[in-house]
Amino acid sequence: MNDNLLEVREIAGGYGDLRVLWDVSLTVQAGKATVLLGRNGAGKSTLLFTIAGLLRPASGSIHFRGQEITKSAPAHRTRMGIGFVQENKRVFKRRTVEQNLQLGGHTMPRKQVKPACEAAYDRFPILGKRRKQLAGALSGGQQQMLAIAQALMPGPTLLMLDEPSAGLAPVIVQEVLEAVTALKASGLGILLVEQLVDQALSVADHVAVMEHGRVVSRSDGAAPDLETLRDIYLGRSAAAADAP
């Protein structure tokens, strides 16, 4: 029985004629976290954008909950259950916390939006206390929580997070990772891109390491090939010599 929630099969693509991804394959399971590691420019964010439907792959396929979605529109993928938290706390800073959540629920039936907002406040109590406050007035950590809550509004079964720790103090990073752990425990599949290796490995069930648009190492649990990681982050990866 195939228990994969998401299957990315030999995806190649990028930005127009600029090829960034080369035959990338990975999986995410329900209630598990797949962590994607690699230096800046390795193609990690490009892969998330491709899974979300914001970029069209040149070849390969993407399957979600047993259905191929390679050519599906981003809104359709959201309705199917893919949530995406982009890097740099992408919230509407001139709108209130509650308005941001409502915008996150724009694909939902109207009668479900208010209960979903209340569920967000239960999950992140600080947002409930600040529901009438402009998002731009929140701290960086609170904005990241809001971005996650916004992505959770439609009730996704897969949540993709791109560098959720960026620009946050260590104590706030820990809070974000605790939230990720709780979401995983609730049954969500998590695909996490993160530069803080130790922190990312603390929530990982599966690890994929990327270099120059390729997956060069895989492991189960929080024990990737440390030699490969060291080579990649110090710029000595053999994959670099093989990349076109």
C-alpha atoms as a PDB file:
ATOM      1  CA  MET A   1       0.000   0.000   0.000  1.00  0.00           C
ATOM      2  CA  ASN A   2       1.325   3.445  -0.942  1.00  0.00           C
ATOM      3  CA  ASP A   3       1.021   5.714   2.097  1.00  0.00           C
ATOM      4  CA  ASN A   4       2.668   8.748   0.501  1.00  0.00           C
ATOM      5  CA  LEU A   5       0.679  11.962   0.722  1.00  0.00           C
ATOM      6  CA  LEU A   6       2.905  13.763  -1.799  1.00  0.00           C
ATOM      7  CA  GLU A   7       5.077  12.234  -4.498  1.00  0.00           C
ATOM      8  CA  VAL A   8       7.417  14.342  -6.605  1.00  0.00           C
ATOM      9  CA  ARG A   9       8.764  12.272  -9.480  1.00  0.00           C
ATOM     10  CA  GLU A  10      11.815  13.368 -11.476  1.00  0.00           C
ATOM     11  CA  ILE A  11      10.831  17.033 -11.604  1.00  0.00           C
ATOM     12  CA  ALA A  12      12.963  19.300 -13.778  1.00  0.00           C
ATOM     13  CA  GLY A  13      12.298  22.993 -14.251  1.00  0.00           C
ATOM     14  CA  GLY A  14      13.013  26.514 -13.132  1.00  0.00           C
ATOM     15  CA  TYR A  15      12.340  29.991 -14.450  1.00  0.00           C
ATOM     16  CA  GLY A  16      11.783  30.063 -18.194  1.00  0.00           C
ATOM     17  CA  ASP A  17      15.007  28.997 -19.883  1.00  0.00           C
ATOM     18  CA  LEU A  18      16.892  28.999 -16.593  1.00  0.00           C
ATOM     19  CA  ARG A  19      16.962  25.378 -15.413  1.00  0.00           C
ATOM     20  CA  VAL A  20      17.160  25.109 -11.614  1.00  0.00           C
ATOM     21  CA  LEU A  21      15.828  21.625 -10.839  1.00  0.00           C
ATOM     22  CA  TRP A  22      17.210  18.408 -12.320  1.00  0.00           C
ATOM     23  CA  ASP A  23      15.196  15.182 -11.912  1.00  0.00           C
ATOM     24  CA  VAL A  24      14.181  15.805  -8.294  1.00  0.00           C
ATOM     25  CA  SER A  25      12.151  13.131  -6.527  1.00  0.00           C
ATOM     26  CA  LEU A  26      10.889  13.073  -2.941  1.00  0.00           C
ATOM     27  CA  THR A  27       7.913  12.015  -0.851  1.00  0.00           C
ATOM     28  CA  VAL A  28       5.982  13.290   2.163  1.00  0.00           C
ATOM     29  CA  GLN A  29       3.777  11.115   4.337  1.00  0.00           C
ATOM     30  CA  ALA A  30       0.844  12.108   6.517  1.00  0.00           C
ATOM     31  CA  GLY A  31       1.951  12.854  10.068  1.00  0.00           C
ATOM     32  CA  LYS A  32       5.597  12.960   9.024  1.00  0.00           C
ATOM     33  CA  ALA A  33       8.057  15.750   8.270  1.00  0.00           C
ATOM     34  CA  THR A  34      10.352  15.679   5.260  1.00  0.00           C
ATOM     35  CA  VAL A  35      13.126  18.234   5.723  1.00  0.00           C
ATOM     36  CA  LEU A  36      14.897  19.676   2.686  1.00  0.00           C
ATOM     37  CA  LEU A  37      18.434  20.889   3.372  1.00  0.00           C
ATOM     38  CA  GLY A  38      21.060  22.576   1.222  1.00  0.00           C
ATOM     39  CA  ARG A  39      22.863  25.836   0.653  1.00  0.00           C
ATOM     40  CA  ASN A  40      21.159  28.932  -0.730  1.00  0.00           C
ATOM     41  CA  GLY A  41      20.658  28.527  -4.465  1.00  0.00           C
ATOM     42  CA  ALA A  42      20.366  24.736  -4.312  1.00  0.00           C
ATOM     43  CA  GLY A  43      16.801  24.852  -5.671  1.00  0.00           C
ATOM     44  CA  LYS A  44      14.845  24.199  -2.477  1.00  0.00           C
ATOM     45  CA  SER A  45      12.471  27.168  -2.733  1.00  0.00           C
ATOM     46  CA  THR A  46      12.057  26.593  -6.464  1.00  0.00           C
ATOM     47  CA  LEU A  47      10.886  23.072  -5.696  1.00  0.00           C
ATOM     48  CA  LEU A  48       8.283  24.339  -3.212  1.00  0.00           C
ATOM     49  CA  PHE A  49       7.013  26.894  -5.731  1.00  0.00           C
ATOM     50  CA  THR A  50       6.714  24.107  -8.301  1.00  0.00           C
ATOM     51  CA  ILE A  51       4.779  21.846  -5.931  1.00  0.00           C
ATOM     52  CA  ALA A  52       2.469  24.781  -5.082  1.00  0.00           C
ATOM     53  CA  GLY A  53       1.794  25.326  -8.793  1.00  0.00           C
ATOM     54  CA  LEU A  54       3.408  28.755  -8.960  1.00  0.00           C
ATOM     55  CA  LEU A  55       6.004  27.406 -11.394  1.00  0.00           C
ATOM     56  CA  ARG A  56       5.348  24.907 -14.190  1.00  0.00           C
ATOM     57  CA  PRO A  57       7.861  22.045 -14.432  1.00  0.00           C
ATOM     58  CA  ALA A  58       9.560  21.230 -17.728  1.00  0.00           C
ATOM     59  CA  SER A  59       9.264  17.508 -17.068  1.00  0.00           C
ATOM     60  CA  GLY A  60       8.368  15.032 -14.361  1.00  0.00           C
ATOM     61  CA  SER A  61       5.174  14.736 -12.350  1.00  0.00           C
ATOM     62  CA  ILE A  62       3.628  15.659  -8.999  1.00  0.00           C
ATOM     63  CA  HIS A  63       1.061  13.435  -7.302  1.00  0.00           C
ATOM     64  CA  PHE A  64      -0.975  14.419  -4.260  1.00  0.00           C
ATOM     65  CA  ARG A  65      -3.252  12.019  -2.404  1.00  0.00           C
ATOM     66  CA  GLY A  66      -3.008   9.629  -5.343  1.00  0.00           C
ATOM     67  CA  GLN A  67      -3.936  12.190  -8.012  1.00  0.00           C
ATOM     68  CA  GLU A  68      -1.617  13.779 -10.518  1.00  0.00           C
ATOM     69  CA  ILE A  69      -1.604  17.575 -10.089  1.00  0.00           C
ATOM     70  CA  THR A  70       1.338  18.491 -12.328  1.00  0.00           C
ATOM     71  CA  LYS A  71      -0.764  20.840 -14.444  1.00  0.00           C
ATOM     72  CA  SER A  72      -3.301  21.904 -11.813  1.00  0.00           C
ATOM     73  CA  ALA A  73      -3.785  25.571 -10.953  1.00  0.00           C
ATOM     74  CA  PRO A  74      -2.478  26.814  -7.582  1.00  0.00           C
ATOM     75  CA  ALA A  75      -6.007  27.428  -6.260  1.00  0.00           C
ATOM     76  CA  HIS A  76      -6.981  23.857  -7.096  1.00  0.00           C
ATOM     77  CA  ARG A  77      -3.972  22.568  -5.165  1.00  0.00           C
ATOM     78  CA  THR A  78      -4.995  24.695  -2.197  1.00  0.00           C
ATOM     79  CA  ARG A  79      -8.515  23.267  -2.316  1.00  0.00           C
ATOM     80  CA  MET A  80      -7.063  19.753  -2.514  1.00  0.00           C
ATOM     81  CA  GLY A  81      -5.159  20.367   0.713  1.00  0.00           C
ATOM     82  CA  ILE A  82      -1.736  21.891   0.007  1.00  0.00           C
ATOM     83  CA  GLY A  83      -0.800  24.826   2.240  1.00  0.00           C
ATOM     84  CA  PHE A  84       2.286  26.934   1.551  1.00  0.00           C
ATOM     85  CA  VAL A  85       4.033  29.357   3.912  1.00  0.00           C
ATOM     86  CA  GLN A  86       6.489  31.364   1.851  1.00  0.00           C
ATOM     87  CA  GLU A  87       9.724  32.821   3.151  1.00  0.00           C
ATOM     88  CA  ASN A  88       9.846  36.225   4.895  1.00  0.00           C
ATOM     89  CA  LYS A  89       6.517  36.099   6.730  1.00  0.00           C
ATOM     90  CA  ARG A  90       4.250  36.902   3.775  1.00  0.00           C
ATOM     91  CA  VAL A  91       1.311  38.555   5.543  1.00  0.00           C
ATOM     92  CA  PHE A  92      -0.776  41.597   4.618  1.00  0.00           C
ATOM     93  CA  LYS A  93       0.752  44.118   6.988  1.00  0.00           C
ATOM     94  CA  ARG A  94      -1.909  46.811   6.505  1.00  0.00           C
ATOM     95  CA  ARG A  95      -4.697  44.406   7.360  1.00  0.00           C
ATOM     96  CA  THR A  96      -5.667  43.141  10.788  1.00  0.00           C
ATOM     97  CA  VAL A  97      -4.829  39.683  12.047  1.00  0.00           C
ATOM     98  CA  GLU A  98      -8.432  38.625  11.531  1.00  0.00           C
ATOM     99  CA  GLN A  99      -8.538  40.024   8.009  1.00  0.00           C
ATOM    100  CA  ASN A 100      -5.376  38.107   7.178  1.00  0.00           C
ATOM    101  CA  LEU A 101      -6.993  34.907   8.365  1.00  0.00           C
ATOM    102  CA  GLN A 102     -10.125  35.626   6.371  1.00  0.00           C
ATOM    103  CA  LEU A 103      -8.005  36.138   3.270  1.00  0.00           C
ATOM    104  CA  GLY A 104      -6.371  32.788   3.971  1.00  0.00           C
ATOM    105  CA  GLY A 105      -9.842  31.259   3.848  1.00  0.00           C
ATOM    106  CA  HIS A 106     -10.839  32.790   0.515  1.00  0.00           C
ATOM    107  CA  THR A 107     -11.261  29.349  -1.116  1.00  0.00           C
ATOM    108  CA  MET A 108     -13.554  28.139   1.692  1.00  0.00           C
ATOM    109  CA  PRO A 109     -17.343  28.282   1.948  1.00  0.00           C
ATOM    110  CA  ARG A 110     -18.152  31.514   3.813  1.00  0.00           C
ATOM    111  CA  LYS A 111     -19.871  29.767   6.721  1.00  0.00           C
ATOM    112  CA  GLN A 112     -16.653  27.854   7.491  1.00  0.00           C
ATOM    113  CA  VAL A 113     -14.393  30.905   7.716  1.00  0.00           C
ATOM    114  CA  LYS A 114     -15.378  32.097  11.204  1.00  0.00           C
ATOM    115  CA  PRO A 115     -14.989  28.664  12.850  1.00  0.00           C
ATOM    116  CA  ALA A 116     -11.612  28.304  11.127  1.00  0.00           C
ATOM    117  CA  CYS A 117     -10.532  31.678  12.537  1.00  0.00           C
ATOM    118  CA  GLU A 118     -11.527  30.552  16.031  1.00  0.00           C
ATOM    119  CA  ALA A 119      -9.552  27.333  15.535  1.00  0.00           C
ATOM    120  CA  ALA A 120      -6.524  29.468  14.575  1.00  0.00           C
ATOM    121  CA  TYR A 121      -6.903  31.486  17.775  1.00  0.00           C
ATOM    122  CA  ASP A 122      -7.077  28.266  19.793  1.00  0.00           C
ATOM    123  CA  ARG A 123      -3.877  27.030  18.145  1.00  0.00           C
ATOM    124  CA  PHE A 124      -2.062  30.376  18.446  1.00  0.00           C
ATOM    125  CA  PRO A 125      -3.588  32.229  21.445  1.00  0.00           C
ATOM    126  CA  ILE A 126      -1.413  35.315  20.893  1.00  0.00           C
ATOM    127  CA  LEU A 127      -3.197  35.874  17.579  1.00  0.00           C
ATOM    128  CA  GLY A 128      -6.560  35.791  19.331  1.00  0.00           C
ATOM    129  CA  LYS A 129      -5.370  38.528  21.670  1.00  0.00           C
ATOM    130  CA  ARG A 130      -4.258  40.626  18.699  1.00  0.00           C
ATOM    131  CA  ARG A 131      -7.047  39.819  16.259  1.00  0.00           C
ATOM    132  CA  LYS A 132      -7.948  43.512  15.697  1.00  0.00           C
ATOM    133  CA  GLN A 133      -4.329  44.660  15.466  1.00  0.00           C
ATOM    134  CA  LEU A 134      -2.619  45.389  12.147  1.00  0.00           C
ATOM    135  CA  ALA A 135      -0.353  42.535  11.111  1.00  0.00           C
ATOM    136  CA  GLY A 136       2.485  44.994  10.491  1.00  0.00           C
ATOM    137  CA  ALA A 137       2.493  45.894  14.186  1.00  0.00           C
ATOM    138  CA  LEU A 138       3.156  42.296  15.262  1.00  0.00           C
ATOM    139  CA  SER A 139       6.606  41.037  16.189  1.00  0.00           C
ATOM    140  CA  GLY A 140       8.491  38.930  13.645  1.00  0.00           C
ATOM    141  CA  GLY A 141       7.616  35.735  15.465  1.00  0.00           C
ATOM    142  CA  GLN A 142       3.947  36.673  15.676  1.00  0.00           C
ATOM    143  CA  GLN A 143       3.901  37.456  11.953  1.00  0.00           C
ATOM    144  CA  GLN A 144       5.354  34.012  11.256  1.00  0.00           C
ATOM    145  CA  MET A 145       2.660  32.423  13.406  1.00  0.00           C
ATOM    146  CA  LEU A 146       0.067  34.426  11.480  1.00  0.00           C
ATOM    147  CA  ALA A 147       1.514  33.270   8.154  1.00  0.00           C
ATOM    148  CA  ILE A 148       1.261  29.654   9.320  1.00  0.00           C
ATOM    149  CA  ALA A 149      -2.266  30.165  10.666  1.00  0.00           C
ATOM    150  CA  GLN A 150      -3.298  31.777   7.380  1.00  0.00           C
ATOM    151  CA  ALA A 151      -2.022  28.759   5.413  1.00  0.00           C
ATOM    152  CA  LEU A 152      -3.897  26.430   7.778  1.00  0.00           C
ATOM    153  CA  MET A 153      -7.259  28.150   7.301  1.00  0.00           C
ATOM    154  CA  PRO A 154      -8.591  25.837   4.535  1.00  0.00           C
ATOM    155  CA  GLY A 155      -7.568  22.758   6.540  1.00  0.00           C
ATOM    156  CA  PRO A 156      -4.663  21.432   4.450  1.00  0.00           C
ATOM    157  CA  THR A 157      -3.290  17.924   4.792  1.00  0.00           C
ATOM    158  CA  LEU A 158       0.167  19.014   3.578  1.00  0.00           C
ATOM    159  CA  LEU A 159       1.934  22.125   4.850  1.00  0.00           C
ATOM    160  CA  MET A 160       5.057  23.418   3.105  1.00  0.00           C
ATOM    161  CA  LEU A 161       7.223  25.919   4.987  1.00  0.00           C
ATOM    162  CA  ASP A 162      10.058  27.854   3.391  1.00  0.00           C
ATOM    163  CA  GLU A 163      12.677  29.061   5.914  1.00  0.00           C
ATOM    164  CA  PRO A 164      10.242  29.702   8.797  1.00  0.00           C
ATOM    165  CA  SER A 165      13.118  30.656  11.116  1.00  0.00           C
ATOM    166  CA  ALA A 166      14.444  33.462   8.888  1.00  0.00           C
ATOM    167  CA  GLY A 167      15.078  36.643  10.871  1.00  0.00           C
ATOM    168  CA  LEU A 168      13.770  35.250  14.162  1.00  0.00           C
ATOM    169  CA  ALA A 169      15.432  35.130  17.570  1.00  0.00           C
ATOM    170  CA  PRO A 170      16.424  31.622  18.763  1.00  0.00           C
ATOM    171  CA  VAL A 171      13.667  31.461  21.386  1.00  0.00           C
ATOM    172  CA  ILE A 172      11.063  32.314  18.730  1.00  0.00           C
ATOM    173  CA  VAL A 173      12.541  29.741  16.335  1.00  0.00           C
ATOM    174  CA  GLN A 174      11.953  27.141  19.033  1.00  0.00           C
ATOM    175  CA  GLU A 175       8.307  28.221  19.324  1.00  0.00           C
ATOM    176  CA  VAL A 176       7.848  27.896  15.565  1.00  0.00           C
ATOM    177  CA  LEU A 177       9.396  24.414  15.569  1.00  0.00           C
ATOM    178  CA  GLU A 178       7.177  23.386  18.476  1.00  0.00           C
ATOM    179  CA  ALA A 179       4.193  24.506  16.403  1.00  0.00           C
ATOM    180  CA  VAL A 180       5.472  22.408  13.479  1.00  0.00           C
ATOM    181  CA  THR A 181       5.830  19.383  15.774  1.00  0.00           C
ATOM    182  CA  ALA A 182       2.267  19.828  17.026  1.00  0.00           C
ATOM    183  CA  LEU A 183       0.946  20.087  13.467  1.00  0.00           C
ATOM    184  CA  LYS A 184       2.785  16.918  12.516  1.00  0.00           C
ATOM    185  CA  ALA A 185       1.314  15.154  15.556  1.00  0.00           C
ATOM    186  CA  SER A 186      -2.166  16.216  14.400  1.00  0.00           C
ATOM    187  CA  GLY A 187      -1.660  14.258  11.175  1.00  0.00           C
ATOM    188  CA  LEU A 188      -0.395  16.894   8.742  1.00  0.00           C
ATOM    189  CA  GLY A 189       2.374  16.061   6.335  1.00  0.00           C
ATOM    190  CA  ILE A 190       5.157  18.644   6.570  1.00  0.00           C
ATOM    191  CA  LEU A 191       7.681  19.648   3.899  1.00  0.00           C
ATOM    192  CA  LEU A 192      10.165  21.966   5.564  1.00  0.00           C
ATOM    193  CA  VAL A 193      12.979  23.985   3.983  1.00  0.00           C
ATOM    194  CA  GLU A 194      15.323  25.308   6.646  1.00  0.00           C
ATOM    195  CA  GLN A 195      18.881  26.636   6.921  1.00  0.00           C
ATOM    196  CA  LEU A 196      19.221  25.899  10.645  1.00  0.00           C
ATOM    197  CA  VAL A 197      20.275  22.285  10.276  1.00  0.00           C
ATOM    198  CA  ASP A 198      20.189  21.141  13.920  1.00  0.00           C
ATOM    199  CA  GLN A 199      16.785  22.699  14.520  1.00  0.00           C
ATOM    200  CA  ALA A 200      15.376  21.257  11.304  1.00  0.00           C
ATOM    201  CA  LEU A 201      16.646  17.778  12.125  1.00  0.00           C
ATOM    202  CA  SER A 202      14.892  17.952  15.499  1.00  0.00           C
ATOM    203  CA  VAL A 203      11.505  17.678  13.728  1.00  0.00           C
ATOM    204  CA  ALA A 204      12.597  15.483  10.790  1.00  0.00           C
ATOM    205  CA  ASP A 205      11.313  12.027   9.923  1.00  0.00           C
ATOM    206  CA  HIS A 206      12.932  12.057   6.489  1.00  0.00           C
ATOM    207  CA  VAL A 207      15.759  14.226   5.166  1.00  0.00           C
ATOM    208  CA  ALA A 208      16.681  15.122   1.598  1.00  0.00           C
ATOM    209  CA  VAL A 209      19.790  17.154   0.830  1.00  0.00           C
ATOM    210  CA  MET A 210      19.917  19.251  -2.347  1.00  0.00           C
ATOM    211  CA  GLU A 211      22.875  20.669  -4.226  1.00  0.00           C
ATOM    212  CA  HIS A 212      22.797  22.380  -7.627  1.00  0.00           C
ATOM    213  CA  GLY A 213      19.176  21.412  -8.235  1.00  0.00           C
ATOM    214  CA  ARG A 214      19.569  17.728  -7.442  1.00  0.00           C
ATOM    215  CA  VAL A 215      18.840  15.564  -4.417  1.00  0.00           C
ATOM    216  CA  VAL A 216      22.282  14.215  -3.512  1.00  0.00           C
ATOM    217  CA  SER A 217      21.489  12.477  -0.228  1.00  0.00           C
ATOM    218  CA  ARG A 218      18.451  10.958   1.516  1.00  0.00           C
ATOM    219  CA  SER A 219      17.934   9.471   4.942  1.00  0.00           C
ATOM    220  CA  ASP A 220      15.186   8.385   7.297  1.00  0.00           C
ATOM    221  CA  GLY A 221      15.044   9.997  10.702  1.00  0.00           C
ATOM    222  CA  ALA A 222      17.268  12.818  11.882  1.00  0.00           C
ATOM    223  CA  ALA A 223      20.528  11.212  10.789  1.00  0.00           C
ATOM    224  CA  PRO A 224      21.558  12.329   7.292  1.00  0.00           C
ATOM    225  CA  ASP A 225      24.983  11.643   5.849  1.00  0.00           C
ATOM    226  CA  LEU A 226      26.956  14.180   7.882  1.00  0.00           C
ATOM    227  CA  GLU A 227      29.926  14.000   5.518  1.00  0.00           C
ATOM    228  CA  THR A 228      27.684  14.947   2.607  1.00  0.00           C
ATOM    229  CA  LEU A 229      26.196  17.804   4.620  1.00  0.00           C
ATOM    230  CA  ARG A 230      29.623  19.088   5.568  1.00  0.00           C
ATOM    231  CA  ASP A 231      30.828  18.948   1.968  1.00  0.00           C
ATOM    232  CA  ILE A 232      27.750  20.776   0.680  1.00  0.00           C
ATOM    233  CA  TYR A 233      27.740  23.564   3.243  1.00  0.00           C
ATOM    234  CA  LEU A 234      31.484  24.075   2.816  1.00  0.00           C
ATOM    235  CA  GLY A 235      31.195  24.030  -0.968  1.00  0.00           C
ATOM    236  CA  ARG A 236      33.021  20.736  -1.580  1.00  0.00           C
ATOM    237  CA  SER A 237      30.128  18.637  -2.880  1.00  0.00           C
ATOM    238  CA  ALA A 238      30.955  16.274  -5.693  1.00  0.00           C
ATOM    239  CA  ALA A 239      27.514  17.087  -7.112  1.00  0.00           C
ATOM    240  CA  ALA A 240      28.828  20.524  -7.951  1.00  0.00           C
ATOM    241  CA  ALA A 241      31.352  19.050 -10.345  1.00  0.00           C
ATOM    242  CA  ASP A 242      28.682  16.932 -12.031  1.00  0.00           C
ATOM    243  CA  ALA A 243      26.089  19.702 -12.437  1.00  0.00           C
ATOM    244  CA  PRO A 244      25.678  21.097 -15.979  1.00  0.00           C
END
